[in-house]
Amino acid sequence: MIDKLTQAWGRSPLATVDPQMAALIRREESRQETTLDLIASQSIVSRAVAEAENSVLRHKYAEGYPGKRYYAGCGNYDEIEQLTIDRAKALFGADHANVQLLSGVPANTAVYLAALKLGDPVMGMDLSQGGHLSHGSKVALSGKNYTFHSYGVRPDNGLIDYDAVQRMAGEVKPKMIVCGASAYPRKIDFSRFREIADSVGAVLLADISHIAGLVAAGVHPSPVHAGADFVTTTTHKTLLGPRSAIILSKKEHADTIDKAVFPGTQGGAHFNTVAAVGVAFLEAQGAAFKDCMQQIVTNARILAETLLGAGATLKTGGTDNHLMLVDVNTSFGISGKTAQDALETAGIVANRNTIQGDKSPFKPTGIRLGTPTVTARGMGDPEMRRIGGWVLEVLRNPNDRVLQGRIRSEVEILCRAFPLMDRYVTRGTYP
């Protein structure tokens, strides 16, 4: 009946069945198409990845692992998962890969389950200084189940204080050290973290969710090559895949990791997403992806230089990767929330973010800006300078709605010149 109605009315199945939901989705499509997404933890996928994710694979349970399923009819799923595993291992040079994770927090949770006992001492980066909730925040499962000790950044330059990390490790004797961040604009010295972990007999977990694409392209040092025992990453952000996650590990941890994922922390994987991750990993082997990753870093540097040149204060004085932290209180006398709202009114989407010294995550004095999405849309040097100019105008005049309206119109014109789904891989070179 629905198919007949769709044919008769010329409408999509969704619009026929649920016009209210269809309208909301179309509204979101329009918002994404006509705004500048500077949220560092977001990106967009290619048409090929989207096709895999929107496939019939979404219908099927396939609990277990290749060759060891709990349901019949999983032969194709075995091959899909193994193909994605093989591509993950090749892309990062890892011994083992689990590609069933639903998202980043479950990935970290599974590693904790595999390598720790309840209450064990662990070290992770402080949330307010660039870490992540799953790195031991008191409100998260990790902070409730294990005894986390938080390290941070130097007060003078905002860089990770490796000497302080070494001293803390000597004092608390952690069973695990977690490195990686969600708001740190500089390269992370994974080799130094490996040395610190070895000095106290700890295992090393590197969460590279933000920088995984840069690592895969050789734009950032690799924790796998540095000898991390476990590496977790989401598959969106700089990897330009669907929202999911994987765990990489040394081969001696393979069985315990797999058991910690299933049945330890989750049931059946979403195999439409597993397949889409596999497609993204194939794309990540190509020259177009590597060029995109380098441009992400270049674009971030140009955006940072544009802001710095106009007197804005950036934590660490710039960026080595895809993101930067702007101290909007020092620079413009406004809060992170005020900055976020003013920018969004002007069609520029960013997020408020704590910076060193902030007392509450609800009243941050910074914003985080990132370049994955705008770069994947094809924007480069001139666009970054133009975007930087708009950001400065808005932050200097956060209450000027006329100014924000004018910039919003200019943003929309720019965005229409770089269509959302015409990203690099549709024009690029496949491996």
Protein backbone atom coordinates (compact mmCIF):
# COMPACT_ATOMS: atom_id res chain seq x y z
CA MET A 1 0.00 0.00 0.00
CA ILE A 2 2.80 2.41 0.91
CA ASP A 3 4.56 1.73 -2.40
CA LYS A 4 1.33 2.42 -4.30
CA LEU A 5 0.78 5.63 -2.38
CA THR A 6 4.35 6.71 -3.06
CA GLN A 7 3.90 6.05 -6.77
CA ALA A 8 0.60 7.88 -6.85
CA TRP A 9 1.71 10.90 -4.88
CA GLY A 10 5.27 11.13 -6.15
CA ARG A 11 6.59 11.43 -2.61
CA SER A 12 9.36 9.55 -0.82
CA PRO A 13 8.29 6.62 1.39
CA LEU A 14 9.29 8.57 4.48
CA ALA A 15 7.36 11.66 3.46
CA THR A 16 4.35 9.44 2.71
CA VAL A 17 4.41 7.53 5.99
CA ASP A 18 5.65 10.23 8.35
CA PRO A 19 5.66 13.71 6.83
CA GLN A 20 6.42 15.31 10.19
CA MET A 21 9.65 13.33 10.64
CA ALA A 22 10.52 13.79 6.98
CA ALA A 23 10.19 17.55 7.34
CA LEU A 24 12.48 17.59 10.37
CA ILE A 25 15.13 15.56 8.54
CA ARG A 26 14.91 17.79 5.49
CA ARG A 27 15.28 20.80 7.76
CA GLU A 28 18.46 19.29 9.20
CA GLU A 29 19.78 18.55 5.72
CA SER A 30 19.29 22.20 4.84
CA ARG A 31 20.96 23.35 8.07
CA GLN A 32 24.04 21.22 7.40
CA GLU A 33 24.20 22.25 3.77
CA THR A 34 24.06 26.00 4.49
CA THR A 35 26.17 26.37 7.65
CA LEU A 36 29.86 26.10 8.42
CA ASP A 37 30.55 23.18 10.76
CA LEU A 38 33.64 23.97 12.84
CA ILE A 39 32.97 21.34 15.50
CA ALA A 40 36.23 19.41 15.77
CA SER A 41 34.57 16.07 16.55
CA GLN A 42 32.39 15.99 13.44
CA SER A 43 32.88 15.34 9.74
CA ILE A 44 30.98 14.01 6.75
CA VAL A 45 31.02 10.74 4.84
CA SER A 46 31.27 9.95 1.16
CA ARG A 47 28.35 8.71 -0.90
CA ALA A 48 29.94 5.26 -0.91
CA VAL A 49 30.09 5.12 2.88
CA ALA A 50 26.52 6.40 3.14
CA GLU A 51 25.31 3.74 0.71
CA ALA A 52 26.90 0.95 2.76
CA GLU A 53 25.41 2.27 5.98
CA ASN A 54 21.95 2.56 4.44
CA SER A 55 21.96 -1.06 3.23
CA VAL A 56 20.01 -4.24 4.03
CA LEU A 57 22.78 -5.19 6.47
CA ARG A 58 20.94 -3.15 9.09
CA HIS A 59 18.26 -5.86 9.38
CA LYS A 60 20.35 -8.76 10.66
CA TYR A 61 21.64 -10.00 14.00
CA ALA A 62 25.10 -11.51 13.78
CA GLU A 63 26.25 -11.84 17.37
CA GLY A 64 29.68 -13.37 17.79
CA TYR A 65 32.70 -13.23 15.50
CA PRO A 66 33.57 -14.55 12.03
CA GLY A 67 33.03 -18.30 12.00
CA LYS A 68 31.52 -18.25 15.50
CA ARG A 69 28.02 -16.78 15.23
CA TYR A 70 24.97 -17.38 17.36
CA TYR A 71 22.56 -16.98 14.45
CA ALA A 72 22.22 -18.68 11.08
CA GLY A 73 22.51 -16.79 7.82
CA CYS A 74 25.73 -14.96 8.75
CA GLY A 75 28.11 -16.11 6.01
CA ASN A 76 28.17 -12.74 4.27
CA TYR A 77 28.56 -10.97 7.60
CA ASP A 78 31.64 -13.06 8.37
CA GLU A 79 33.27 -11.86 5.16
CA ILE A 80 32.21 -8.24 5.70
CA GLU A 81 33.60 -8.16 9.22
CA GLN A 82 36.85 -9.89 8.26
CA LEU A 83 37.36 -7.49 5.36
CA THR A 84 36.88 -4.51 7.67
CA ILE A 85 39.23 -6.04 10.26
CA ASP A 86 41.92 -6.63 7.65
CA ARG A 87 41.61 -3.06 6.38
CA ALA A 88 41.84 -1.64 9.91
CA LYS A 89 44.97 -3.65 10.67
CA ALA A 90 46.59 -2.62 7.40
CA LEU A 91 45.66 1.05 7.77
CA PHE A 92 47.15 1.40 11.24
CA GLY A 93 49.74 -1.40 11.22
CA ALA A 94 48.08 -3.19 14.15
CA ASP A 95 48.24 -6.84 15.18
CA HIS A 96 44.54 -7.09 16.00
CA ALA A 97 41.39 -5.07 15.41
CA ASN A 98 37.88 -5.31 16.82
CA VAL A 99 35.47 -3.39 14.60
CA GLN A 100 32.19 -4.09 16.39
CA LEU A 101 32.15 -1.14 18.79
CA LEU A 102 29.07 1.03 18.73
CA SER A 103 30.91 4.20 19.77
CA GLY A 104 33.98 5.55 21.52
CA VAL A 105 32.96 5.27 25.17
CA PRO A 106 32.08 1.56 24.85
CA ALA A 107 35.47 1.06 23.19
CA ASN A 108 37.30 2.52 26.19
CA THR A 109 35.00 0.67 28.57
CA ALA A 110 35.83 -2.64 26.89
CA VAL A 111 39.56 -1.99 27.22
CA TYR A 112 39.16 -1.22 30.92
CA LEU A 113 37.21 -4.45 31.38
CA ALA A 114 39.87 -6.43 29.52
CA ALA A 115 42.91 -4.99 31.29
CA LEU A 116 41.83 -3.85 34.77
CA LYS A 117 40.17 -4.95 37.96
CA LEU A 118 37.59 -2.80 39.70
CA GLY A 119 39.27 -0.11 41.75
CA ASP A 120 42.65 -0.35 39.99
CA PRO A 121 44.66 2.89 39.83
CA VAL A 122 44.65 4.50 36.37
CA MET A 123 45.96 7.78 34.99
CA GLY A 124 44.12 9.85 32.41
CA MET A 125 43.99 13.44 31.16
CA ASP A 126 41.83 15.83 33.14
CA LEU A 127 38.54 16.59 31.38
CA SER A 128 38.80 20.32 32.04
CA GLN A 129 42.27 20.43 30.48
CA GLY A 130 41.56 18.54 27.28
CA GLY A 131 40.70 14.97 28.25
CA HIS A 132 37.47 13.04 27.73
CA LEU A 133 34.65 11.92 30.02
CA SER A 134 35.68 8.29 29.54
CA HIS A 135 39.22 9.04 30.74
CA GLY A 136 38.17 8.96 34.39
CA SER A 137 35.65 11.72 34.95
CA LYS A 138 33.90 11.23 38.29
CA VAL A 139 30.47 11.37 36.62
CA ALA A 140 31.35 8.62 34.12
CA LEU A 141 31.51 4.84 34.48
CA SER A 142 35.30 4.92 34.20
CA GLY A 143 35.60 7.29 37.16
CA LYS A 144 33.17 5.24 39.23
CA ASN A 145 34.72 1.83 38.57
CA TYR A 146 38.43 2.67 38.76
CA THR A 147 40.66 4.94 40.82
CA PHE A 148 41.64 7.58 38.29
CA HIS A 149 44.39 10.14 38.83
CA SER A 150 44.21 13.06 36.41
CA TYR A 151 47.19 14.75 34.79
CA GLY A 152 46.99 18.00 32.90
CA VAL A 153 48.85 20.69 31.01
CA ARG A 154 51.45 23.25 32.02
CA PRO A 155 50.00 26.55 33.25
CA ASP A 156 52.52 28.61 31.29
CA ASN A 157 52.07 27.16 27.80
CA GLY A 158 49.12 24.74 27.88
CA LEU A 159 51.25 21.77 26.82
CA ILE A 160 51.13 18.33 28.41
CA ASP A 161 53.61 18.28 31.28
CA TYR A 162 55.34 14.96 30.62
CA ASP A 163 57.67 15.40 33.59
CA ALA A 164 54.65 15.82 35.86
CA VAL A 165 53.06 12.72 34.29
CA GLN A 166 56.25 10.79 35.08
CA ARG A 167 56.25 11.99 38.68
CA MET A 168 52.58 11.11 39.15
CA ALA A 169 53.15 7.66 37.67
CA GLY A 170 55.95 7.06 40.14
CA GLU A 171 53.69 8.05 43.02
CA VAL A 172 50.43 6.24 42.15
CA LYS A 173 51.87 3.20 40.32
CA PRO A 174 48.98 2.93 37.85
CA LYS A 175 47.97 -0.30 36.21
CA MET A 176 47.13 1.68 33.08
CA ILE A 177 47.94 5.09 31.60
CA VAL A 178 45.42 6.60 29.21
CA CYS A 179 46.72 9.14 26.70
CA GLY A 180 44.84 11.02 24.04
CA ALA A 181 42.51 13.98 24.24
CA SER A 182 39.36 15.62 22.94
CA ALA A 183 40.60 19.22 23.13
CA TYR A 184 44.39 19.32 22.80
CA PRO A 185 45.77 21.21 19.79
CA ARG A 186 49.30 19.83 19.75
CA LYS A 187 50.96 16.55 18.78
CA ILE A 188 51.00 13.92 21.51
CA ASP A 189 54.31 12.19 22.25
CA PHE A 190 53.15 8.59 22.40
CA SER A 191 56.71 7.31 22.69
CA ARG A 192 57.19 9.34 25.86
CA PHE A 193 53.97 7.93 27.28
CA ARG A 194 55.23 4.44 26.43
CA GLU A 195 58.44 5.12 28.35
CA ILE A 196 56.51 6.41 31.36
CA ALA A 197 54.19 3.40 31.34
CA ASP A 198 57.14 1.01 31.09
CA SER A 199 58.86 2.70 34.02
CA VAL A 200 56.03 1.70 36.36
CA GLY A 201 54.89 -1.52 34.69
CA ALA A 202 51.63 -0.06 33.36
CA VAL A 203 49.82 -0.87 30.14
CA LEU A 204 49.22 2.01 27.74
CA LEU A 205 45.89 2.91 26.16
CA ALA A 206 45.94 5.59 23.46
CA ASP A 207 42.56 7.09 22.59
CA ILE A 208 43.10 8.70 19.18
CA SER A 209 39.45 9.37 18.36
CA HIS A 210 40.15 12.94 17.29
CA ILE A 211 43.36 12.41 15.34
CA ALA A 212 42.90 8.90 13.88
CA GLY A 213 42.66 10.14 10.30
CA LEU A 214 45.81 12.21 10.76
CA VAL A 215 47.56 9.15 12.20
CA ALA A 216 46.38 6.93 9.33
CA ALA A 217 47.69 9.46 6.80
CA GLY A 218 51.05 9.85 8.54
CA VAL A 219 50.34 13.47 9.50
CA HIS A 220 50.56 12.68 13.23
CA PRO A 221 52.80 10.15 15.05
CA SER A 222 51.21 6.73 15.57
CA PRO A 223 50.65 5.18 19.01
CA VAL A 224 50.66 1.75 17.36
CA HIS A 225 54.20 2.33 16.14
CA ALA A 226 55.11 3.71 19.58
CA GLY A 227 54.06 0.41 21.17
CA ALA A 228 50.73 1.20 22.82
CA ASP A 229 49.08 -1.94 24.14
CA PHE A 230 45.63 -0.72 23.14
CA VAL A 231 44.44 1.97 20.76
CA THR A 232 40.83 3.09 20.60
CA THR A 233 39.27 5.42 18.10
CA THR A 234 35.93 6.50 16.83
CA THR A 235 35.57 6.18 13.08
CA HIS A 236 34.06 9.57 12.31
CA LYS A 237 35.89 12.82 13.13
CA THR A 238 39.09 12.92 11.02
CA LEU A 239 38.60 9.34 9.75
CA LEU A 240 35.58 10.62 7.76
CA GLY A 241 33.60 7.44 8.38
CA PRO A 242 30.26 6.68 10.05
CA ARG A 243 29.69 7.05 13.78
CA SER A 244 31.26 3.93 15.27
CA ALA A 245 34.53 2.85 16.92
CA ILE A 246 37.26 0.23 16.84
CA ILE A 247 39.89 -1.17 19.19
CA LEU A 248 43.41 -1.97 18.00
CA SER A 249 45.65 -4.08 20.19
CA LYS A 250 48.76 -6.18 20.38
CA LYS A 251 48.11 -9.80 19.46
CA GLU A 252 48.53 -11.03 23.04
CA HIS A 253 45.46 -9.01 24.01
CA ALA A 254 43.27 -10.11 21.09
CA ASP A 255 41.17 -12.72 22.89
CA THR A 256 40.57 -10.64 26.02
CA ILE A 257 39.58 -7.61 23.94
CA ASP A 258 37.14 -9.59 21.82
CA LYS A 259 35.54 -11.14 24.90
CA ALA A 260 35.33 -7.73 26.58
CA VAL A 261 33.45 -6.34 23.57
CA PHE A 262 31.14 -9.34 23.06
CA PRO A 263 29.68 -10.57 25.30
CA GLY A 264 31.39 -8.35 27.88
CA THR A 265 29.94 -4.93 27.15
CA GLN A 266 27.57 -5.18 24.19
CA GLY A 267 25.49 -7.54 22.07
CA GLY A 268 25.34 -7.70 18.30
CA ALA A 269 27.17 -5.16 16.19
CA HIS A 270 25.39 -2.91 13.69
CA PHE A 271 26.71 -4.53 10.54
CA ASN A 272 25.53 -1.84 8.16
CA THR A 273 27.88 0.43 10.09
CA VAL A 274 30.67 -2.17 10.16
CA ALA A 275 30.49 -2.34 6.37
CA ALA A 276 30.49 1.46 6.10
CA VAL A 277 33.58 1.57 8.33
CA GLY A 278 35.24 -0.90 5.96
CA VAL A 279 34.49 1.37 3.01
CA ALA A 280 35.90 4.37 4.90
CA PHE A 281 39.08 2.40 5.64
CA LEU A 282 39.46 1.60 1.94
CA GLU A 283 39.05 5.28 1.10
CA ALA A 284 41.63 6.14 3.77
CA GLN A 285 44.24 4.18 1.83
CA GLY A 286 43.95 6.52 -1.14
CA ALA A 287 45.92 9.60 -2.13
CA ALA A 288 42.83 11.83 -1.93
CA PHE A 289 42.34 10.98 1.74
CA LYS A 290 45.98 11.70 2.57
CA ASP A 291 45.75 15.03 0.77
CA CYS A 292 42.58 15.82 2.73
CA MET A 293 44.26 15.04 6.07
CA GLN A 294 47.19 17.30 5.23
CA GLN A 295 44.77 20.04 4.20
CA ILE A 296 42.85 19.65 7.47
CA VAL A 297 46.05 20.46 9.36
CA THR A 298 46.96 23.29 6.97
CA ASN A 299 43.47 24.76 7.22
CA ALA A 300 43.61 24.66 11.02
CA ARG A 301 46.97 26.41 11.00
CA ILE A 302 45.70 29.14 8.65
CA LEU A 303 42.55 29.65 10.72
CA ALA A 304 44.65 29.85 13.89
CA GLU A 305 47.06 32.32 12.31
CA THR A 306 44.16 34.49 11.16
CA LEU A 307 42.76 34.64 14.69
CA LEU A 308 46.15 35.17 16.32
CA GLY A 309 47.00 37.92 13.85
CA ALA A 310 43.97 39.85 15.03
CA GLY A 311 44.89 39.52 18.70
CA ALA A 312 42.86 36.47 19.73
CA THR A 313 44.29 34.28 22.48
CA LEU A 314 44.70 30.61 21.54
CA LYS A 315 45.73 28.01 24.08
CA THR A 316 49.25 26.72 23.34
CA GLY A 317 49.59 29.62 20.89
CA GLY A 318 48.31 27.68 17.88
CA THR A 319 47.74 24.14 16.62
CA ASP A 320 49.51 21.10 15.18
CA ASN A 321 46.38 19.17 14.32
CA HIS A 322 42.75 19.76 13.35
CA LEU A 323 41.57 21.92 16.24
CA MET A 324 42.27 25.00 18.32
CA LEU A 325 41.04 26.42 21.62
CA VAL A 326 40.16 30.10 21.70
CA ASP A 327 40.13 31.85 25.08
CA VAL A 328 37.17 34.11 24.30
CA ASN A 329 37.03 35.57 27.80
CA THR A 330 40.57 36.94 27.61
CA SER A 331 40.28 37.91 23.95
CA PHE A 332 36.77 39.34 23.77
CA GLY A 333 35.42 39.52 27.33
CA ILE A 334 32.64 37.00 26.70
CA SER A 335 31.80 33.47 27.82
CA GLY A 336 32.12 30.35 25.73
CA LYS A 337 28.33 29.99 25.67
CA THR A 338 27.87 33.56 24.42
CA ALA A 339 30.47 32.97 21.72
CA GLN A 340 28.88 29.67 20.66
CA ASP A 341 25.38 31.18 20.40
CA ALA A 342 26.52 34.28 18.51
CA LEU A 343 28.47 32.21 16.01
CA GLU A 344 25.55 29.86 15.43
CA THR A 345 23.25 32.81 14.71
CA ALA A 346 25.78 33.81 12.05
CA GLY A 347 25.75 30.30 10.53
CA ILE A 348 29.03 29.15 12.07
CA VAL A 349 28.66 26.10 14.30
CA ALA A 350 31.26 25.60 17.03
CA ASN A 351 31.16 24.42 20.62
CA ARG A 352 31.94 26.03 23.94
CA ASN A 353 34.79 24.28 25.73
CA THR A 354 36.56 24.39 29.05
CA ILE A 355 40.12 25.60 29.09
CA GLN A 356 42.71 25.40 31.80
CA GLY A 357 41.55 27.21 34.92
CA ASP A 358 37.81 26.89 34.28
CA LYS A 359 35.91 25.81 37.38
CA SER A 360 32.71 24.55 35.76
CA PRO A 361 31.94 22.82 32.44
CA PHE A 362 28.70 24.81 32.40
CA LYS A 363 30.56 28.13 32.40
CA PRO A 364 33.56 27.62 30.10
CA THR A 365 35.65 30.54 28.93
CA GLY A 366 36.71 28.98 25.65
CA ILE A 367 35.44 27.65 22.35
CA ARG A 368 36.84 24.80 20.28
CA LEU A 369 37.17 25.20 16.51
CA GLY A 370 38.02 22.39 14.08
CA THR A 371 38.49 21.96 10.35
CA PRO A 372 37.53 18.36 9.34
CA THR A 373 34.10 19.10 7.88
CA VAL A 374 34.91 22.28 6.00
CA THR A 375 38.04 20.64 4.58
CA ALA A 376 36.14 17.54 3.49
CA ARG A 377 33.74 19.86 1.66
CA GLY A 378 36.73 21.12 -0.33
CA MET A 379 37.51 24.41 1.38
CA GLY A 380 41.12 25.58 1.52
CA ASP A 381 43.40 28.50 2.30
CA PRO A 382 41.27 31.46 1.08
CA GLU A 383 38.12 30.08 2.67
CA MET A 384 39.88 29.64 6.03
CA ARG A 385 41.01 33.25 6.03
CA ARG A 386 37.50 34.37 5.18
CA ILE A 387 35.98 32.18 7.89
CA GLY A 388 38.51 33.49 10.39
CA GLY A 389 37.44 37.04 9.55
CA TRP A 390 33.80 36.18 10.12
CA VAL A 391 34.59 34.53 13.45
CA LEU A 392 36.46 37.62 14.59
CA GLU A 393 33.62 39.94 13.56
CA VAL A 394 31.07 37.91 15.47
CA LEU A 395 33.15 37.51 18.62
CA ARG A 396 33.89 41.24 18.73
CA ASN A 397 30.18 42.04 18.35
CA PRO A 398 28.29 39.15 19.97
CA ASN A 399 25.05 41.10 20.36
CA ASP A 400 24.90 42.60 16.87
CA ARG A 401 22.09 40.68 15.18
CA VAL A 402 22.30 42.78 12.00
CA LEU A 403 25.96 41.86 11.60
CA GLN A 404 25.22 38.21 12.31
CA GLY A 405 22.43 38.22 9.72
CA ARG A 406 24.71 39.69 7.10
CA ILE A 407 27.42 37.10 7.82
CA ARG A 408 24.79 34.34 7.82
CA SER A 409 23.88 35.26 4.25
CA GLU A 410 27.53 35.32 3.19
CA VAL A 411 28.14 31.96 4.88
CA GLU A 412 25.26 30.41 2.95
CA ILE A 413 26.68 31.64 -0.35
CA LEU A 414 30.07 30.12 0.48
CA CYS A 415 28.52 26.82 1.57
CA ARG A 416 26.54 26.47 -1.64
CA ALA A 417 29.82 26.70 -3.55
CA PHE A 418 31.04 23.61 -1.65
CA PRO A 419 28.12 21.13 -1.58
CA LEU A 420 28.07 18.84 1.42
CA MET A 421 28.05 15.50 -0.39
CA ASP A 422 30.52 16.45 -3.13
CA ARG A 423 33.38 15.81 -0.75
CA TYR A 424 36.88 14.79 -1.77
CA VAL A 425 36.42 11.07 -2.32
CA THR A 426 33.84 11.47 -5.09
CA ARG A 427 36.46 13.40 -7.05
CA GLY A 428 39.57 11.75 -5.70
CA THR A 429 41.85 8.84 -6.49
CA TYR A 430 40.93 5.43 -5.15
CA PRO A 431 43.65 3.05 -3.97
